[in-house]
């Protein structure tokens, strides 16, 4: 991971600058977040923090959390739910 993204001890300033989780307060447009609770790459806690920061800024956020999914959605019912969320979000915004 360090080779790909950088070492937080050395590259902390750059990583903080480019990480979305530290910039949720700057979001101005509605956002849809679709998250698998078991995602090892994008942790649910990061999505939770991002959603909270955006909502605190008064921006609409739709948050769809799948407790039985990881990174990508394998279960057909969850894929259908996610796709419906995409369509509804795009229709609304």
PDB file of N, CA and C in Angstrom:
ATOM      1  N   UNK A   1       0.817  -1.184   0.000  1.00  0.00           N
ATOM      2  CA  UNK A   1       0.000   0.000   0.000  1.00  0.00           C
ATOM      3  C   UNK A   1       0.869   1.260   0.000  1.00  0.00           C
ATOM      4  N   UNK A   2       1.933   1.234   0.781  1.00  0.00           N
ATOM      5  CA  UNK A   2       2.808   2.414   0.847  1.00  0.00           C
ATOM      6  C   UNK A   2       3.434   2.721  -0.506  1.00  0.00           C
ATOM      7  N   UNK A   3       3.805   1.678  -1.250  1.00  0.00           N
ATOM      8  CA  UNK A   3       4.416   1.893  -2.561  1.00  0.00           C
ATOM      9  C   UNK A   3       3.422   2.543  -3.521  1.00  0.00           C
ATOM     10  N   UNK A   4       2.165   2.182  -3.387  1.00  0.00           N
ATOM     11  CA  UNK A   4       1.144   2.705  -4.287  1.00  0.00           C
ATOM     12  C   UNK A   4       0.665   4.098  -3.877  1.00  0.00           C
ATOM     13  N   UNK A   5       0.408   4.294  -2.584  1.00  0.00           N
ATOM     14  CA  UNK A   5      -0.210   5.537  -2.119  1.00  0.00           C
ATOM     15  C   UNK A   5       0.740   6.487  -1.401  1.00  0.00           C
ATOM     16  N   UNK A   6       1.774   5.921  -0.786  1.00  0.00           N
ATOM     17  CA  UNK A   6       2.696   6.733  -0.004  1.00  0.00           C
ATOM     18  C   UNK A   6       2.647   6.344   1.462  1.00  0.00           C
ATOM     19  N   UNK A   7       3.675   6.710   2.168  1.00  0.00           N
ATOM     20  CA  UNK A   7       3.806   6.409   3.592  1.00  0.00           C
ATOM     21  C   UNK A   7       3.230   7.584   4.382  1.00  0.00           C
ATOM     22  N   UNK A   8       2.229   7.343   5.218  1.00  0.00           N
ATOM     23  CA  UNK A   8       1.634   8.450   5.977  1.00  0.00           C
ATOM     24  C   UNK A   8       2.645   9.221   6.826  1.00  0.00           C
ATOM     25  N   UNK A   9       3.675   8.544   7.305  1.00  0.00           N
ATOM     26  CA  UNK A   9       4.692   9.220   8.116  1.00  0.00           C
ATOM     27  C   UNK A   9       5.495  10.211   7.285  1.00  0.00           C
ATOM     28  N   UNK A  10       5.655   9.925   6.002  1.00  0.00           N
ATOM     29  CA  UNK A  10       6.449  10.780   5.114  1.00  0.00           C
ATOM     30  C   UNK A  10       5.556  11.662   4.248  1.00  0.00           C
ATOM     31  N   UNK A  11       4.470  11.089   3.757  1.00  0.00           N
ATOM     32  CA  UNK A  11       3.597  11.769   2.794  1.00  0.00           C
ATOM     33  C   UNK A  11       2.271  12.215   3.404  1.00  0.00           C
ATOM     34  N   UNK A  12       2.225  12.386   4.712  1.00  0.00           N
ATOM     35  CA  UNK A  12       0.981  12.698   5.402  1.00  0.00           C
ATOM     36  C   UNK A  12       0.277  13.933   4.871  1.00  0.00           C
ATOM     37  N   UNK A  13       1.020  14.993   4.611  1.00  0.00           N
ATOM     38  CA  UNK A  13       0.400  16.232   4.134  1.00  0.00           C
ATOM     39  C   UNK A  13      -0.263  16.023   2.776  1.00  0.00           C
ATOM     40  N   UNK A  14       0.436  15.359   1.863  1.00  0.00           N
ATOM     41  CA  UNK A  14      -0.133  15.103   0.536  1.00  0.00           C
ATOM     42  C   UNK A  14      -1.351  14.176   0.636  1.00  0.00           C
ATOM     43  N   UNK A  15      -1.255  13.130   1.447  1.00  0.00           N
ATOM     44  CA  UNK A  15      -2.366  12.194   1.588  1.00  0.00           C
ATOM     45  C   UNK A  15      -3.599  12.884   2.173  1.00  0.00           C
ATOM     46  N   UNK A  16      -3.401  13.745   3.141  1.00  0.00           N
ATOM     47  CA  UNK A  16      -4.518  14.490   3.726  1.00  0.00           C
ATOM     48  C   UNK A  16      -5.130  15.433   2.685  1.00  0.00           C
ATOM     49  N   UNK A  17      -4.287  16.038   1.860  1.00  0.00           N
ATOM     50  CA  UNK A  17      -4.747  16.972   0.836  1.00  0.00           C
ATOM     51  C   UNK A  17      -5.612  16.280  -0.222  1.00  0.00           C
ATOM     52  N   UNK A  18      -5.294  15.035  -0.568  1.00  0.00           N
ATOM     53  CA  UNK A  18      -6.004  14.345  -1.653  1.00  0.00           C
ATOM     54  C   UNK A  18      -7.108  13.407  -1.164  1.00  0.00           C
ATOM     55  N   UNK A  19      -7.186  13.165   0.138  1.00  0.00           N
ATOM     56  CA  UNK A  19      -8.180  12.230   0.669  1.00  0.00           C
ATOM     57  C   UNK A  19      -9.539  12.898   0.794  1.00  0.00           C
ATOM     58  N   UNK A  20     -10.575  12.337   0.170  1.00  0.00           N
ATOM     59  CA  UNK A  20     -11.911  12.936   0.243  1.00  0.00           C
ATOM     60  C   UNK A  20     -12.443  13.081   1.665  1.00  0.00           C
ATOM     61  N   UNK A  21     -12.076  12.179   2.545  1.00  0.00           N
ATOM     62  CA  UNK A  21     -12.644  12.182   3.889  1.00  0.00           C
ATOM     63  C   UNK A  21     -12.346  13.478   4.648  1.00  0.00           C
ATOM     64  N   UNK A  22     -11.313  14.194   4.257  1.00  0.00           N
ATOM     65  CA  UNK A  22     -10.960  15.448   4.923  1.00  0.00           C
ATOM     66  C   UNK A  22     -11.581  16.667   4.237  1.00  0.00           C
ATOM     67  N   UNK A  23     -12.414  16.437   3.226  1.00  0.00           N
ATOM     68  CA  UNK A  23     -12.953  17.549   2.453  1.00  0.00           C
ATOM     69  C   UNK A  23     -14.470  17.498   2.278  1.00  0.00           C
ATOM     70  N   UNK A  24     -15.141  16.717   3.090  1.00  0.00           N
ATOM     71  CA  UNK A  24     -16.592  16.616   3.007  1.00  0.00           C
ATOM     72  C   UNK A  24     -17.285  17.948   3.213  1.00  0.00           C
ATOM     73  N   UNK A  25     -16.678  18.823   3.991  1.00  0.00           N
ATOM     74  CA  UNK A  25     -17.271  20.139   4.261  1.00  0.00           C
ATOM     75  C   UNK A  25     -17.254  21.050   3.036  1.00  0.00           C
ATOM     76  N   UNK A  26     -16.546  20.665   1.993  1.00  0.00           N
ATOM     77  CA  UNK A  26     -16.462  21.482   0.777  1.00  0.00           C
ATOM     78  C   UNK A  26     -17.480  21.059  -0.285  1.00  0.00           C
ATOM     79  N   UNK A  27     -18.167  19.949  -0.064  1.00  0.00           N
ATOM     80  CA  UNK A  27     -19.125  19.439  -1.038  1.00  0.00           C
ATOM     81  C   UNK A  27     -20.342  20.357  -1.079  1.00  0.00           C
ATOM     82  N   UNK A  28     -20.751  20.716  -2.277  1.00  0.00           N
ATOM     83  CA  UNK A  28     -21.875  21.647  -2.464  1.00  0.00           C
ATOM     84  C   UNK A  28     -23.063  21.014  -3.181  1.00  0.00           C
ATOM     85  N   UNK A  29     -22.850  19.892  -3.834  1.00  0.00           N
ATOM     86  CA  UNK A  29     -23.903  19.246  -4.630  1.00  0.00           C
ATOM     87  C   UNK A  29     -24.361  17.960  -3.937  1.00  0.00           C
ATOM     88  N   UNK A  30     -25.599  17.523  -4.194  1.00  0.00           N
ATOM     89  CA  UNK A  30     -26.106  16.276  -3.611  1.00  0.00           C
ATOM     90  C   UNK A  30     -25.196  15.090  -3.963  1.00  0.00           C
ATOM     91  N   UNK A  31     -25.116  14.160  -3.022  1.00  0.00           N
ATOM     92  CA  UNK A  31     -24.215  13.014  -3.159  1.00  0.00           C
ATOM     93  C   UNK A  31     -24.973  11.729  -2.854  1.00  0.00           C
ATOM     94  N   UNK A  32     -24.634  10.687  -3.605  1.00  0.00           N
ATOM     95  CA  UNK A  32     -25.121   9.335  -3.327  1.00  0.00           C
ATOM     96  C   UNK A  32     -23.923   8.499  -2.910  1.00  0.00           C
ATOM     97  N   UNK A  33     -24.017   7.874  -1.749  1.00  0.00           N
ATOM     98  CA  UNK A  33     -22.967   6.974  -1.266  1.00  0.00           C
ATOM     99  C   UNK A  33     -23.578   5.586  -1.168  1.00  0.00           C
ATOM    100  N   UNK A  34     -22.953   4.617  -1.838  1.00  0.00           N
ATOM    101  CA  UNK A  34     -23.394   3.228  -1.788  1.00  0.00           C
ATOM    102  C   UNK A  34     -22.220   2.429  -1.247  1.00  0.00           C
ATOM    103  N   UNK A  35     -22.420   1.772  -0.107  1.00  0.00           N
ATOM    104  CA  UNK A  35     -21.320   1.192   0.659  1.00  0.00           C
ATOM    105  C   UNK A  35     -21.620  -0.236   1.071  1.00  0.00           C
ATOM    106  N   UNK A  36     -20.634  -1.101   0.931  1.00  0.00           N
ATOM    107  CA  UNK A  36     -20.687  -2.436   1.520  1.00  0.00           C
ATOM    108  C   UNK A  36     -20.051  -2.374   2.900  1.00  0.00           C
ATOM    109  N   UNK A  37     -20.761  -2.829   3.918  1.00  0.00           N
ATOM    110  CA  UNK A  37     -20.261  -2.742   5.295  1.00  0.00           C
ATOM    111  C   UNK A  37     -18.987  -3.554   5.509  1.00  0.00           C
ATOM    112  N   UNK A  38     -18.756  -4.551   4.672  1.00  0.00           N
ATOM    113  CA  UNK A  38     -17.581  -5.405   4.835  1.00  0.00           C
ATOM    114  C   UNK A  38     -16.476  -5.074   3.836  1.00  0.00           C
ATOM    115  N   UNK A  39     -16.500  -3.891   3.286  1.00  0.00           N
ATOM    116  CA  UNK A  39     -15.513  -3.476   2.288  1.00  0.00           C
ATOM    117  C   UNK A  39     -14.155  -3.274   2.961  1.00  0.00           C
ATOM    118  N   UNK A  40     -13.124  -4.046   2.554  1.00  0.00           N
ATOM    119  CA  UNK A  40     -11.806  -3.885   3.168  1.00  0.00           C
ATOM    120  C   UNK A  40     -11.018  -2.707   2.592  1.00  0.00           C
ATOM    121  N   UNK A  41     -11.449  -2.158   1.461  1.00  0.00           N
ATOM    122  CA  UNK A  41     -10.728  -1.055   0.818  1.00  0.00           C
ATOM    123  C   UNK A  41     -11.282   0.301   1.217  1.00  0.00           C
ATOM    124  N   UNK A  42     -12.611   0.410   1.197  1.00  0.00           N
ATOM    125  CA  UNK A  42     -13.280   1.645   1.615  1.00  0.00           C
ATOM    126  C   UNK A  42     -14.074   1.288   2.866  1.00  0.00           C
ATOM    127  N   UNK A  43     -13.523   1.616   4.008  1.00  0.00           N
ATOM    128  CA  UNK A  43     -14.147   1.225   5.263  1.00  0.00           C
ATOM    129  C   UNK A  43     -15.445   1.994   5.488  1.00  0.00           C
ATOM    130  N   UNK A  44     -16.413   1.306   6.070  1.00  0.00           N
ATOM    131  CA  UNK A  44     -17.704   1.941   6.343  1.00  0.00           C
ATOM    132  C   UNK A  44     -17.522   3.190   7.191  1.00  0.00           C
ATOM    133  N   UNK A  45     -16.611   3.151   8.139  1.00  0.00           N
ATOM    134  CA  UNK A  45     -16.399   4.317   9.003  1.00  0.00           C
ATOM    135  C   UNK A  45     -16.018   5.546   8.180  1.00  0.00           C
ATOM    136  N   UNK A  46     -15.263   5.354   7.088  1.00  0.00           N
ATOM    137  CA  UNK A  46     -14.908   6.483   6.225  1.00  0.00           C
ATOM    138  C   UNK A  46     -16.127   7.039   5.499  1.00  0.00           C
ATOM    139  N   UNK A  47     -16.986   6.144   5.021  1.00  0.00           N
ATOM    140  CA  UNK A  47     -18.220   6.601   4.374  1.00  0.00           C
ATOM    141  C   UNK A  47     -19.126   7.295   5.383  1.00  0.00           C
ATOM    142  N   UNK A  48     -19.220   6.733   6.583  1.00  0.00           N
ATOM    143  CA  UNK A  48     -20.029   7.357   7.637  1.00  0.00           C
ATOM    144  C   UNK A  48     -19.542   8.778   7.920  1.00  0.00           C
ATOM    145  N   UNK A  49     -18.225   8.941   8.027  1.00  0.00           N
ATOM    146  CA  UNK A  49     -17.645  10.261   8.308  1.00  0.00           C
ATOM    147  C   UNK A  49     -17.920  11.235   7.166  1.00  0.00           C
ATOM    148  N   UNK A  50     -17.794  10.753   5.946  1.00  0.00           N
ATOM    149  CA  UNK A  50     -18.025  11.602   4.780  1.00  0.00           C
ATOM    150  C   UNK A  50     -19.484  12.043   4.723  1.00  0.00           C
ATOM    151  N   UNK A  51     -20.391  11.110   4.920  1.00  0.00           N
ATOM    152  CA  UNK A  51     -21.822  11.418   4.902  1.00  0.00           C
ATOM    153  C   UNK A  51     -22.154  12.441   5.984  1.00  0.00           C
ATOM    154  N   UNK A  52     -21.612  12.252   7.181  1.00  0.00           N
ATOM    155  CA  UNK A  52     -21.852  13.180   8.281  1.00  0.00           C
ATOM    156  C   UNK A  52     -21.340  14.576   7.938  1.00  0.00           C
ATOM    157  N   UNK A  53     -20.126  14.659   7.408  1.00  0.00           N
ATOM    158  CA  UNK A  53     -19.547  15.963   7.068  1.00  0.00           C
ATOM    159  C   UNK A  53     -20.368  16.681   6.006  1.00  0.00           C
ATOM    160  N   UNK A  54     -20.841  15.947   5.014  1.00  0.00           N
ATOM    161  CA  UNK A  54     -21.632  16.560   3.941  1.00  0.00           C
ATOM    162  C   UNK A  54     -22.981  17.017   4.491  1.00  0.00           C
ATOM    163  N   UNK A  55     -23.616  16.185   5.301  1.00  0.00           N
ATOM    164  CA  UNK A  55     -24.918  16.547   5.873  1.00  0.00           C
ATOM    165  C   UNK A  55     -24.797  17.762   6.792  1.00  0.00           C
ATOM    166  N   UNK A  56     -23.716  17.825   7.548  1.00  0.00           N
ATOM    167  CA  UNK A  56     -23.509  18.970   8.438  1.00  0.00           C
ATOM    168  C   UNK A  56     -23.379  20.272   7.656  1.00  0.00           C
ATOM    169  N   UNK A  57     -23.019  20.156   6.392  1.00  0.00           N
ATOM    170  CA  UNK A  57     -22.890  21.319   5.522  1.00  0.00           C
ATOM    171  C   UNK A  57     -24.232  21.662   4.852  1.00  0.00           C
ATOM    172  N   UNK A  58     -25.273  20.889   5.193  1.00  0.00           N
ATOM    173  CA  UNK A  58     -26.598  21.162   4.653  1.00  0.00           C
ATOM    174  C   UNK A  58     -26.838  20.633   3.252  1.00  0.00           C
ATOM    175  N   UNK A  59     -25.980  19.749   2.794  1.00  0.00           N
ATOM    176  CA  UNK A  59     -26.101  19.189   1.442  1.00  0.00           C
ATOM    177  C   UNK A  59     -26.819  17.843   1.525  1.00  0.00           C
ATOM    178  N   UNK A  60     -27.780  17.588   0.637  1.00  0.00           N
ATOM    179  CA  UNK A  60     -28.483  16.299   0.651  1.00  0.00           C
ATOM    180  C   UNK A  60     -27.540  15.139   0.342  1.00  0.00           C
ATOM    181  N   UNK A  61     -27.682  14.084   1.135  1.00  0.00           N
ATOM    182  CA  UNK A  61     -26.901  12.862   0.932  1.00  0.00           C
ATOM    183  C   UNK A  61     -27.841  11.673   1.023  1.00  0.00           C
ATOM    184  N   UNK A  62     -27.787  10.824   0.019  1.00  0.00           N
ATOM    185  CA  UNK A  62     -28.465   9.534   0.057  1.00  0.00           C
ATOM    186  C   UNK A  62     -27.390   8.507   0.415  1.00  0.00           C
ATOM    187  N   UNK A  63     -27.637   7.708   1.450  1.00  0.00           N
ATOM    188  CA  UNK A  63     -26.640   6.726   1.912  1.00  0.00           C
ATOM    189  C   UNK A  63     -27.291   5.355   1.906  1.00  0.00           C
ATOM    190  N   UNK A  64     -26.782   4.480   1.046  1.00  0.00           N
ATOM    191  CA  UNK A  64     -27.278   3.113   0.949  1.00  0.00           C
ATOM    192  C   UNK A  64     -26.174   2.195   1.452  1.00  0.00           C
ATOM    193  N   UNK A  65     -26.453   1.482   2.531  1.00  0.00           N
ATOM    194  CA  UNK A  65     -25.466   0.604   3.162  1.00  0.00           C
ATOM    195  C   UNK A  65     -25.940  -0.840   3.065  1.00  0.00           C
ATOM    196  N   UNK A  66     -25.079  -1.697   2.536  1.00  0.00           N
ATOM    197  CA  UNK A  66     -25.370  -3.119   2.451  1.00  0.00           C
ATOM    198  C   UNK A  66     -24.566  -3.848   3.516  1.00  0.00           C
ATOM    199  N   UNK A  67     -25.216  -4.356   4.573  1.00  0.00           N
ATOM    200  CA  UNK A  67     -24.486  -5.011   5.656  1.00  0.00           C
ATOM    201  C   UNK A  67     -23.843  -6.335   5.246  1.00  0.00           C
ATOM    202  N   UNK A  68     -24.288  -6.908   4.127  1.00  0.00           N
ATOM    203  CA  UNK A  68     -23.807  -8.223   3.699  1.00  0.00           C
ATOM    204  C   UNK A  68     -22.956  -8.161   2.432  1.00  0.00           C
ATOM    205  N   UNK A  69     -22.332  -7.013   2.170  1.00  0.00           N
ATOM    206  CA  UNK A  69     -21.497  -6.877   0.974  1.00  0.00           C
ATOM    207  C   UNK A  69     -20.138  -6.302   1.335  1.00  0.00           C
ATOM    208  N   UNK A  70     -19.208  -6.464   0.405  1.00  0.00           N
ATOM    209  CA  UNK A  70     -17.871  -5.915   0.547  1.00  0.00           C
ATOM    210  C   UNK A  70     -17.637  -4.862  -0.520  1.00  0.00           C
ATOM    211  N   UNK A  71     -16.479  -4.944  -1.186  1.00  0.00           N
ATOM    212  CA  UNK A  71     -16.130  -4.002  -2.247  1.00  0.00           C
ATOM    213  C   UNK A  71     -16.721  -4.519  -3.547  1.00  0.00           C
ATOM    214  N   UNK A  72     -17.779  -3.894  -3.994  1.00  0.00           N
ATOM    215  CA  UNK A  72     -18.552  -4.417  -5.126  1.00  0.00           C
ATOM    216  C   UNK A  72     -19.696  -5.240  -4.561  1.00  0.00           C
ATOM    217  N   UNK A  73     -20.744  -5.357  -5.318  1.00  0.00           N
ATOM    218  CA  UNK A  73     -21.932  -6.028  -4.810  1.00  0.00           C
ATOM    219  C   UNK A  73     -22.152  -7.319  -5.569  1.00  0.00           C
ATOM    220  N   UNK A  74     -22.087  -8.429  -4.849  1.00  0.00           N
ATOM    221  CA  UNK A  74     -22.182  -9.743  -5.470  1.00  0.00           C
ATOM    222  C   UNK A  74     -23.607 -10.280  -5.513  1.00  0.00           C
ATOM    223  N   UNK A  75     -24.415  -9.897  -4.540  1.00  0.00           N
ATOM    224  CA  UNK A  75     -25.773 -10.432  -4.459  1.00  0.00           C
ATOM    225  C   UNK A  75     -26.697  -9.672  -5.412  1.00  0.00           C
ATOM    226  N   UNK A  76     -27.438 -10.439  -6.192  1.00  0.00           N
ATOM    227  CA  UNK A  76     -28.292  -9.841  -7.215  1.00  0.00           C
ATOM    228  C   UNK A  76     -29.285  -8.845  -6.616  1.00  0.00           C
ATOM    229  N   UNK A  77     -29.911  -9.190  -5.510  1.00  0.00           N
ATOM    230  CA  UNK A  77     -30.890  -8.289  -4.889  1.00  0.00           C
ATOM    231  C   UNK A  77     -30.234  -6.961  -4.497  1.00  0.00           C
ATOM    232  N   UNK A  78     -28.997  -7.016  -4.016  1.00  0.00           N
ATOM    233  CA  UNK A  78     -28.294  -5.789  -3.643  1.00  0.00           C
ATOM    234  C   UNK A  78     -27.913  -4.967  -4.861  1.00  0.00           C
ATOM    235  N   UNK A  79     -27.526  -5.643  -5.938  1.00  0.00           N
ATOM    236  CA  UNK A  79     -27.213  -4.915  -7.178  1.00  0.00           C
ATOM    237  C   UNK A  79     -28.447  -4.195  -7.705  1.00  0.00           C
ATOM    238  N   UNK A  80     -29.593  -4.854  -7.623  1.00  0.00           N
ATOM    239  CA  UNK A  80     -30.834  -4.230  -8.072  1.00  0.00           C
ATOM    240  C   UNK A  80     -31.168  -3.029  -7.185  1.00  0.00           C
ATOM    241  N   UNK A  81     -31.032  -3.192  -5.883  1.00  0.00           N
ATOM    242  CA  UNK A  81     -31.290  -2.083  -4.959  1.00  0.00           C
ATOM    243  C   UNK A  81     -30.355  -0.919  -5.249  1.00  0.00           C
ATOM    244  N   UNK A  82     -29.073  -1.203  -5.465  1.00  0.00           N
ATOM    245  CA  UNK A  82     -28.096  -0.150  -5.765  1.00  0.00           C
ATOM    246  C   UNK A  82     -28.452   0.547  -7.077  1.00  0.00           C
ATOM    247  N   UNK A  83     -28.796  -0.217  -8.099  1.00  0.00           N
ATOM    248  CA  UNK A  83     -29.135   0.387  -9.388  1.00  0.00           C
ATOM    249  C   UNK A  83     -30.393   1.245  -9.296  1.00  0.00           C
ATOM    250  N   UNK A  84     -31.355   0.805  -8.512  1.00  0.00           N
ATOM    251  CA  UNK A  84     -32.545   1.630  -8.293  1.00  0.00           C
ATOM    252  C   UNK A  84     -32.190   2.917  -7.550  1.00  0.00           C
ATOM    253  N   UNK A  85     -31.269   2.821  -6.603  1.00  0.00           N
ATOM    254  CA  UNK A  85     -30.819   4.016  -5.884  1.00  0.00           C
ATOM    255  C   UNK A  85     -30.141   4.992  -6.841  1.00  0.00           C
ATOM    256  N   UNK A  86     -29.322   4.472  -7.775  1.00  0.00           N
ATOM    257  CA  UNK A  86     -28.665   5.341  -8.768  1.00  0.00           C
ATOM    258  C   UNK A  86     -29.716   6.071  -9.602  1.00  0.00           C
ATOM    259  N   UNK A  87     -30.694   5.305 -10.101  1.00  0.00           N
ATOM    260  CA  UNK A  87     -31.734   5.900 -10.947  1.00  0.00           C
ATOM    261  C   UNK A  87     -32.561   6.943 -10.200  1.00  0.00           C
ATOM    262  N   UNK A  88     -32.975   6.603  -8.991  1.00  0.00           N
ATOM    263  CA  UNK A  88     -33.783   7.538  -8.196  1.00  0.00           C
ATOM    264  C   UNK A  88     -33.003   8.806  -7.885  1.00  0.00           C
ATOM    265  N   UNK A  89     -31.736   8.658  -7.563  1.00  0.00           N
ATOM    266  CA  UNK A  89     -30.901   9.803  -7.254  1.00  0.00           C
ATOM    267  C   UNK A  89     -30.768  10.707  -8.491  1.00  0.00           C
ATOM    268  N   UNK A  90     -30.502  10.092  -9.625  1.00  0.00           N
ATOM    269  CA  UNK A  90     -30.346  10.883 -10.863  1.00  0.00           C
ATOM    270  C   UNK A  90     -31.655  11.542 -11.267  1.00  0.00           C
ATOM    271  N   UNK A  91     -32.766  10.862 -11.057  1.00  0.00           N
ATOM    272  CA  UNK A  91     -34.061  11.479 -11.357  1.00  0.00           C
ATOM    273  C   UNK A  91     -34.329  12.684 -10.456  1.00  0.00           C
ATOM    274  N   UNK A  92     -33.973  12.548  -9.198  1.00  0.00           N
ATOM    275  CA  UNK A  92     -34.250  13.621  -8.243  1.00  0.00           C
ATOM    276  C   UNK A  92     -33.317  14.808  -8.418  1.00  0.00           C
ATOM    277  N   UNK A  93     -32.039  14.525  -8.715  1.00  0.00           N
ATOM    278  CA  UNK A  93     -31.050  15.603  -8.763  1.00  0.00           C
ATOM    279  C   UNK A  93     -30.524  15.855 -10.167  1.00  0.00           C
TER     280      UNK A  93
END
